[in-house]
Amino acid sequence: FFNALALLTGAGIYLRLTYSRGTPENTMFLLAGALSGGFIGAKTIDLILNFKLVSANLFPYLSQGIGSRTILGGLIGGWIGVEAAKKIRGIREKTGDPFALSAPAAMGIGRIGCLLGGCCFGKPTGEWYGIYMAGQYRYPTQLIEIVFDFSLFLLLWVIRNKMKYPGDLFKLFILGYSVFRFLIEFIRAEPVVWLGLTVYQLIAVPLILITGIYFFRKGDLYGFNRR
């Protein structure tokens, strides 16, 4: 339910921001590219992480909705899907900024589903703020991300008309979420795969470097248009 609600919310925000600006056909085509690319990206990462488990049940796995544990894969896949759709339609202008607003809102709703469904929980903790899941009190990572996602959405919404260049809002979203995801992984119950880092941290690192270097080279981290 929450995965479907998240997709509908994200799609609604995207359509609200873009439908009146360009041709309806291009808008719907880009949205289809984002959703299909996001689905493939999310499933691909999840398949890699759980290959032995899902290989024996591939069809039921593919028929499920987007897993809540594959947000980074979904973001990368969605970006690739949009770029592919732009190439097919011959669209040259920057189109990522509306997704920078629709994505965190959708992600926040998706994490509510994670909290209620008992997945994507944190490591065990004895602190007072722990929540009881999977037989232990754990860091409330779902709650933390819910607050972060909606806060990021509100921040980006406020500054959406203050960016200097088209596409910068999307890059700022990628930078902000990637930094957050890298940090919260230290208290999430995810296996370490290399250099003491989880798969999601290894995905986040290049995203942080690419977007961070972009803003650093411009000499203005936020890229605000101060008119």
Protein backbone atom coordinates (compact mmCIF):
# COMPACT_ATOMS: atom_id res chain seq x y z
CA PHE A 1 0.00 0.00 0.00
CA PHE A 2 2.65 2.53 1.00
CA ASN A 3 4.80 1.74 -2.04
CA ALA A 4 1.81 2.46 -4.28
CA LEU A 5 0.97 5.61 -2.31
CA ALA A 6 4.59 6.76 -2.57
CA LEU A 7 4.61 6.30 -6.35
CA LEU A 8 1.29 8.11 -6.75
CA THR A 9 2.47 10.99 -4.57
CA GLY A 10 5.75 11.33 -6.42
CA ALA A 11 4.03 11.17 -9.79
CA GLY A 12 1.43 13.72 -8.67
CA ILE A 13 4.06 16.23 -7.54
CA TYR A 14 6.03 15.75 -10.75
CA LEU A 15 2.95 16.29 -12.92
CA ARG A 16 1.95 19.33 -10.85
CA LEU A 17 5.34 20.93 -11.50
CA THR A 18 5.81 20.02 -15.16
CA TYR A 19 2.49 19.47 -16.91
CA SER A 20 1.86 23.14 -17.69
CA ARG A 21 5.45 23.88 -18.74
CA GLY A 22 6.04 21.47 -21.60
CA THR A 23 4.06 19.25 -23.91
CA PRO A 24 1.86 16.73 -22.07
CA GLU A 25 3.27 13.95 -24.24
CA ASN A 26 6.85 14.67 -23.20
CA THR A 27 5.85 14.99 -19.55
CA MET A 28 4.14 11.61 -19.48
CA PHE A 29 6.99 10.00 -21.45
CA LEU A 30 9.58 11.25 -18.97
CA LEU A 31 7.46 10.15 -16.04
CA ALA A 32 7.14 6.68 -17.57
CA GLY A 33 10.92 6.60 -18.05
CA ALA A 34 11.52 7.57 -14.43
CA LEU A 35 9.09 5.00 -13.02
CA SER A 36 10.26 2.13 -15.21
CA GLY A 37 13.93 2.99 -14.70
CA GLY A 38 13.40 3.32 -10.96
CA PHE A 39 11.71 -0.07 -10.81
CA ILE A 40 14.50 -1.76 -12.77
CA GLY A 41 17.23 -0.03 -10.75
CA ALA A 42 15.62 -0.92 -7.43
CA LYS A 43 15.10 -4.53 -8.42
CA THR A 44 18.61 -4.86 -9.86
CA ILE A 45 20.33 -3.81 -6.63
CA ASP A 46 18.00 -5.97 -4.57
CA LEU A 47 18.63 -8.92 -6.89
CA ILE A 48 22.39 -8.54 -6.53
CA LEU A 49 22.16 -8.36 -2.73
CA ASN A 50 19.81 -11.33 -2.43
CA PHE A 51 20.75 -13.38 -5.49
CA LYS A 52 20.66 -16.80 -3.86
CA LEU A 53 17.32 -16.12 -2.23
CA VAL A 54 15.49 -14.72 -5.24
CA SER A 55 17.03 -16.91 -7.95
CA ALA A 56 14.90 -19.82 -6.77
CA ASN A 57 11.77 -17.65 -6.76
CA LEU A 58 12.48 -15.22 -9.59
CA PHE A 59 8.95 -14.76 -10.95
CA PRO A 60 7.30 -14.01 -7.56
CA TYR A 61 10.18 -11.64 -6.82
CA LEU A 62 9.79 -9.71 -10.08
CA SER A 63 6.03 -9.48 -9.63
CA GLN A 64 6.38 -7.67 -6.30
CA GLY A 65 6.45 -3.92 -5.90
CA ILE A 66 9.63 -1.91 -5.54
CA GLY A 67 11.43 -3.05 -2.42
CA SER A 68 11.81 -0.47 0.30
CA ARG A 69 15.45 -1.36 0.79
CA THR A 70 16.58 -0.27 -2.68
CA ILE A 71 16.01 3.47 -2.74
CA LEU A 72 19.49 4.33 -4.03
CA GLY A 73 19.15 1.77 -6.81
CA GLY A 74 15.77 3.25 -7.67
CA LEU A 75 17.20 6.78 -7.82
CA ILE A 76 20.01 5.74 -10.15
CA GLY A 77 17.65 3.69 -12.30
CA GLY A 78 15.13 6.53 -12.43
CA TRP A 79 17.81 8.97 -13.59
CA ILE A 80 18.95 6.56 -16.31
CA GLY A 81 15.32 6.03 -17.34
CA VAL A 82 14.73 9.77 -17.69
CA GLU A 83 17.92 10.27 -19.69
CA ALA A 84 16.94 7.40 -22.00
CA ALA A 85 13.46 8.88 -22.44
CA LYS A 86 14.96 12.30 -23.24
CA LYS A 87 17.22 10.78 -25.87
CA ILE A 88 14.31 8.93 -27.48
CA ARG A 89 12.14 12.07 -27.57
CA GLY A 90 14.97 14.42 -28.51
CA ILE A 91 14.57 16.52 -25.34
CA ARG A 92 17.65 18.59 -24.52
CA GLU A 93 16.62 20.78 -21.60
CA LYS A 94 17.35 19.88 -17.99
CA THR A 95 14.47 17.90 -16.47
CA GLY A 96 15.76 16.69 -13.10
CA ASP A 97 14.56 19.48 -10.81
CA PRO A 98 10.91 18.32 -10.57
CA PHE A 99 12.18 14.86 -9.59
CA ALA A 100 14.23 16.48 -6.81
CA LEU A 101 10.93 17.48 -5.22
CA SER A 102 8.83 14.42 -6.00
CA ALA A 103 11.47 11.87 -4.92
CA PRO A 104 11.97 12.83 -1.23
CA ALA A 105 8.21 13.11 -0.68
CA ALA A 106 7.71 9.65 -2.15
CA MET A 107 10.65 8.26 -0.19
CA GLY A 108 9.28 9.61 3.08
CA ILE A 109 5.96 7.87 2.50
CA GLY A 110 7.77 4.69 1.53
CA ARG A 111 9.70 4.75 4.80
CA ILE A 112 6.44 4.95 6.73
CA GLY A 113 5.65 1.63 5.10
CA CYS A 114 9.06 0.35 6.20
CA LEU A 115 8.34 1.37 9.79
CA LEU A 116 4.92 -0.25 9.88
CA GLY A 117 6.13 -3.31 7.99
CA GLY A 118 9.12 -3.89 10.27
CA CYS A 119 11.87 -3.72 7.64
CA CYS A 120 14.95 -1.54 7.09
CA PHE A 121 15.53 -1.33 10.83
CA GLY A 122 18.63 -0.24 12.70
CA LYS A 123 21.24 -2.06 14.71
CA PRO A 124 20.45 -3.09 18.30
CA THR A 125 20.74 -0.35 20.90
CA GLY A 126 20.14 -0.02 24.62
CA GLU A 127 19.29 3.67 24.42
CA TRP A 128 15.88 4.98 25.52
CA TYR A 129 14.92 5.95 21.99
CA GLY A 130 15.22 2.43 20.59
CA ILE A 131 12.16 0.84 19.00
CA TYR A 132 11.35 -2.84 19.36
CA MET A 133 11.76 -4.75 16.10
CA ALA A 134 12.90 -8.24 15.15
CA GLY A 135 13.18 -9.27 18.79
CA GLN A 136 15.38 -6.38 19.97
CA TYR A 137 15.37 -2.67 20.65
CA ARG A 138 16.97 -0.97 17.68
CA TYR A 139 17.96 2.43 16.35
CA PRO A 140 14.83 4.06 14.85
CA THR A 141 16.38 4.43 11.40
CA GLN A 142 13.03 4.46 9.63
CA LEU A 143 11.79 7.35 11.79
CA ILE A 144 15.04 9.23 11.25
CA GLU A 145 14.73 8.91 7.49
CA ILE A 146 11.06 9.84 7.49
CA VAL A 147 11.92 13.11 9.23
CA PHE A 148 14.90 13.68 6.93
CA ASP A 149 13.02 12.95 3.70
CA PHE A 150 10.15 15.31 4.45
CA SER A 151 12.55 17.97 5.75
CA LEU A 152 14.59 17.68 2.56
CA PHE A 153 11.41 17.99 0.51
CA LEU A 154 10.41 21.18 2.36
CA LEU A 155 13.90 22.67 2.03
CA LEU A 156 14.11 21.98 -1.69
CA TRP A 157 10.60 23.30 -2.19
CA VAL A 158 11.51 26.59 -0.50
CA ILE A 159 14.69 27.10 -2.56
CA ARG A 160 13.38 25.68 -5.85
CA ASN A 161 13.26 29.10 -7.53
CA LYS A 162 16.56 30.31 -6.06
CA MET A 163 18.96 28.03 -7.92
CA LYS A 164 21.18 29.58 -10.57
CA TYR A 165 21.10 26.82 -13.14
CA PRO A 166 18.55 24.24 -14.29
CA GLY A 167 19.39 20.84 -12.89
CA ASP A 168 21.15 22.15 -9.77
CA LEU A 169 18.20 21.38 -7.52
CA PHE A 170 18.36 17.75 -8.60
CA LYS A 171 22.10 17.60 -7.97
CA LEU A 172 21.60 19.16 -4.53
CA PHE A 173 18.99 16.52 -3.74
CA ILE A 174 21.35 13.72 -4.79
CA LEU A 175 24.17 15.22 -2.72
CA GLY A 176 22.00 15.73 0.36
CA TYR A 177 20.40 12.30 0.33
CA SER A 178 23.65 10.50 -0.47
CA VAL A 179 25.45 12.14 2.47
CA PHE A 180 22.55 11.29 4.75
CA ARG A 181 22.40 7.70 3.52
CA PHE A 182 26.14 7.24 3.93
CA LEU A 183 25.93 8.37 7.56
CA ILE A 184 22.78 6.51 8.61
CA GLU A 185 24.16 3.24 7.23
CA PHE A 186 26.49 3.12 10.25
CA ILE A 187 23.49 2.42 12.49
CA ARG A 188 21.42 0.35 10.05
CA ALA A 189 21.41 -3.44 10.24
CA GLU A 190 23.11 -3.96 6.88
CA PRO A 191 26.04 -6.28 6.15
CA VAL A 192 29.48 -4.80 5.60
CA VAL A 193 30.88 -5.81 2.22
CA TRP A 194 34.12 -3.88 1.67
CA LEU A 195 36.38 -1.51 3.63
CA GLY A 196 33.94 -1.54 6.52
CA LEU A 197 31.17 -0.13 4.34
CA THR A 198 27.78 -1.44 3.24
CA VAL A 199 26.66 -1.71 -0.38
CA TYR A 200 24.56 1.42 0.02
CA GLN A 201 27.53 3.39 1.30
CA LEU A 202 29.60 2.22 -1.65
CA ILE A 203 26.85 3.46 -3.95
CA ALA A 204 26.57 6.76 -2.08
CA VAL A 205 30.30 7.58 -2.20
CA PRO A 206 30.56 8.20 -5.98
CA LEU A 207 27.30 10.15 -5.93
CA ILE A 208 28.69 12.38 -3.17
CA LEU A 209 31.96 12.87 -5.06
CA ILE A 210 30.32 13.67 -8.40
CA THR A 211 27.81 16.17 -7.05
CA GLY A 212 30.16 17.59 -4.43
CA ILE A 213 32.89 18.25 -7.00
CA TYR A 214 30.31 19.84 -9.29
CA PHE A 215 29.26 22.41 -6.69
CA PHE A 216 32.83 22.93 -5.47
CA ARG A 217 34.08 23.72 -8.98
CA LYS A 218 31.32 26.28 -9.38
CA GLY A 219 32.58 27.98 -6.23
CA ASP A 220 29.07 28.14 -4.78
CA LEU A 221 27.85 25.07 -2.92
CA TYR A 222 24.21 26.06 -3.02
CA GLY A 223 24.22 27.84 -6.36
CA PHE A 224 21.56 30.30 -5.23
CA ASN A 225 20.36 33.04 -7.52
CA ARG A 226 20.45 36.00 -5.12
CA ARG A 227 18.21 38.36 -7.03
